[in-house]
C-alpha atoms as a PDB file:
ATOM      1  CA  UNK A   1    -135.423  67.510  19.836  1.00  0.00           C
ATOM      2  CA  UNK A   2    -138.739  65.894  18.969  1.00  0.00           C
ATOM      3  CA  UNK A   3    -138.578  62.100  19.249  1.00  0.00           C
ATOM      4  CA  UNK A   4    -141.396  60.100  17.634  1.00  0.00           C
ATOM      5  CA  UNK A   5    -141.775  56.399  18.365  1.00  0.00           C
ATOM      6  CA  UNK A   6    -140.685  56.523  22.021  1.00  0.00           C
ATOM      7  CA  UNK A   7    -142.349  53.871  24.175  1.00  0.00           C
ATOM      8  CA  UNK A   8    -143.686  55.491  27.367  1.00  0.00           C
ATOM      9  CA  UNK A   9    -144.768  53.177  30.184  1.00  0.00           C
ATOM     10  CA  UNK A  10    -146.602  54.299  33.335  1.00  0.00           C
ATOM     11  CA  UNK A  11    -146.437  51.677  36.104  1.00  0.00           C
ATOM     12  CA  UNK A  12    -148.204  51.754  39.469  1.00  0.00           C
ATOM     13  CA  UNK A  13    -149.858  49.483  42.006  1.00  0.00           C
ATOM     14  CA  UNK A  14    -152.870  51.831  41.613  1.00  0.00           C
ATOM     15  CA  UNK A  15    -153.560  50.374  38.158  1.00  0.00           C
ATOM     16  CA  UNK A  16    -155.463  47.126  37.844  1.00  0.00           C
ATOM     17  CA  UNK A  17    -153.243  46.112  34.911  1.00  0.00           C
ATOM     18  CA  UNK A  18    -150.110  47.428  36.779  1.00  0.00           C
ATOM     19  CA  UNK A  19    -148.822  49.377  33.730  1.00  0.00           C
ATOM     20  CA  UNK A  20    -149.929  51.170  30.570  1.00  0.00           C
ATOM     21  CA  UNK A  21    -147.771  51.852  27.537  1.00  0.00           C
ATOM     22  CA  UNK A  22    -148.190  54.368  24.714  1.00  0.00           C
ATOM     23  CA  UNK A  23    -145.969  55.439  21.805  1.00  0.00           C
ATOM     24  CA  UNK A  24    -145.096  59.089  21.181  1.00  0.00           C
ATOM     25  CA  UNK A  25    -146.469  60.515  17.933  1.00  0.00           C
ATOM     26  CA  UNK A  26    -144.747  62.288  15.063  1.00  0.00           C
ATOM     27  CA  UNK A  27    -144.687  65.502  17.084  1.00  0.00           C
ATOM     28  CA  UNK A  28    -143.014  63.745  20.052  1.00  0.00           C
ATOM     29  CA  UNK A  29    -146.154  64.119  22.183  1.00  0.00           C
ATOM     30  CA  UNK A  30    -147.725  61.284  24.160  1.00  0.00           C
ATOM     31  CA  UNK A  31    -150.790  61.000  26.352  1.00  0.00           C
ATOM     32  CA  UNK A  32    -151.683  58.338  28.897  1.00  0.00           C
ATOM     33  CA  UNK A  33    -155.310  58.844  29.891  1.00  0.00           C
ATOM     34  CA  UNK A  34    -157.515  57.691  32.759  1.00  0.00           C
ATOM     35  CA  UNK A  35    -154.732  57.014  35.257  1.00  0.00           C
ATOM     36  CA  UNK A  36    -155.888  56.449  38.809  1.00  0.00           C
ATOM     37  CA  UNK A  37    -154.460  58.610  41.612  1.00  0.00           C
ATOM     38  CA  UNK A  38    -151.289  57.087  43.044  1.00  0.00           C
ATOM     39  CA  UNK A  39    -147.507  56.862  42.829  1.00  0.00           C
ATOM     40  CA  UNK A  40    -146.092  56.108  39.382  1.00  0.00           C
ATOM     41  CA  UNK A  41    -142.850  55.188  37.660  1.00  0.00           C
ATOM     42  CA  UNK A  42    -142.551  56.439  34.081  1.00  0.00           C
ATOM     43  CA  UNK A  43    -140.119  54.743  31.690  1.00  0.00           C
ATOM     44  CA  UNK A  44    -139.143  56.111  28.264  1.00  0.00           C
ATOM     45  CA  UNK A  45    -137.400  53.784  25.805  1.00  0.00           C
ATOM     46  CA  UNK A  46    -136.376  53.843  22.158  1.00  0.00           C
ATOM     47  CA  UNK A  47    -133.965  51.570  20.306  1.00  0.00           C
ATOM     48  CA  UNK A  48    -130.514  53.172  20.064  1.00  0.00           C
ATOM     49  CA  UNK A  49    -131.101  55.367  23.135  1.00  0.00           C
ATOM     50  CA  UNK A  50    -130.584  54.873  26.851  1.00  0.00           C
ATOM     51  CA  UNK A  51    -133.751  54.158  28.822  1.00  0.00           C
ATOM     52  CA  UNK A  52    -134.913  57.105  30.941  1.00  0.00           C
ATOM     53  CA  UNK A  53    -136.918  56.463  34.118  1.00  0.00           C
ATOM     54  CA  UNK A  54    -138.620  58.722  36.674  1.00  0.00           C
ATOM     55  CA  UNK A  55    -139.778  57.130  39.935  1.00  0.00           C
ATOM     56  CA  UNK A  56    -142.016  58.318  42.756  1.00  0.00           C
ATOM     57  CA  UNK A  57    -144.287  60.597  40.726  1.00  0.00           C
ATOM     58  CA  UNK A  58    -147.401  61.389  42.767  1.00  0.00           C
ATOM     59  CA  UNK A  59    -150.485  61.769  40.595  1.00  0.00           C
ATOM     60  CA  UNK A  60    -153.532  63.254  42.347  1.00  0.00           C
ATOM     61  CA  UNK A  61    -157.044  62.975  40.902  1.00  0.00           C
ATOM     62  CA  UNK A  62    -158.232  65.397  38.193  1.00  0.00           C
ATOM     63  CA  UNK A  63    -154.685  66.480  37.311  1.00  0.00           C
ATOM     64  CA  UNK A  64    -152.697  66.715  34.090  1.00  0.00           C
ATOM     65  CA  UNK A  65    -148.929  66.216  34.463  1.00  0.00           C
ATOM     66  CA  UNK A  66    -146.270  66.968  31.860  1.00  0.00           C
ATOM     67  CA  UNK A  67    -143.132  64.817  32.022  1.00  0.00           C
ATOM     68  CA  UNK A  68    -140.261  65.324  29.598  1.00  0.00           C
ATOM     69  CA  UNK A  69    -137.391  62.873  29.141  1.00  0.00           C
ATOM     70  CA  UNK A  70    -133.715  63.417  28.389  1.00  0.00           C
ATOM     71  CA  UNK A  71    -133.047  60.623  25.884  1.00  0.00           C
ATOM     72  CA  UNK A  72    -129.292  60.108  25.374  1.00  0.00           C
ATOM     73  CA  UNK A  73    -127.762  58.071  22.587  1.00  0.00           C
ATOM     74  CA  UNK A  74    -127.047  54.560  23.806  1.00  0.00           C
ATOM     75  CA  UNK A  75    -124.492  52.004  22.735  1.00  0.00           C
ATOM     76  CA  UNK A  76    -124.522  51.347  19.012  1.00  0.00           C
ATOM     77  CA  UNK A  77    -123.689  47.914  17.669  1.00  0.00           C
ATOM     78  CA  UNK A  78    -123.218  46.491  14.191  1.00  0.00           C
ATOM     79  CA  UNK A  79    -123.166  42.917  13.025  1.00  0.00           C
ATOM     80  CA  UNK A  80    -121.471  41.984   9.758  1.00  0.00           C
ATOM     81  CA  UNK A  81    -122.186  38.643   8.179  1.00  0.00           C
END
C-alpha cells in the first residue's frame, strides 16, 4: 500500500553531513538527491509502524536506485487520563 509521511534517512560516511532525511509524499514516493558514491544504510520510519532498515547498499556514481520498504504495524499503545 502507498504510505505517505514516511521518514526516509540515508546515512553514510561518504556524506559530509553523515545523513539526509526526506519524507515520502502523498503518492508514497520519495527522492534523496545528490548522494555521493559509497555504502549507505537506509532507514524507513513512521509512527505506529516498525522501523525498516537496509544496510550495506552500494551506490555508484551516476546511478538511480529504487528501494522499497516492508512497513509492518508496530505496537499500539493508548493512554487514558
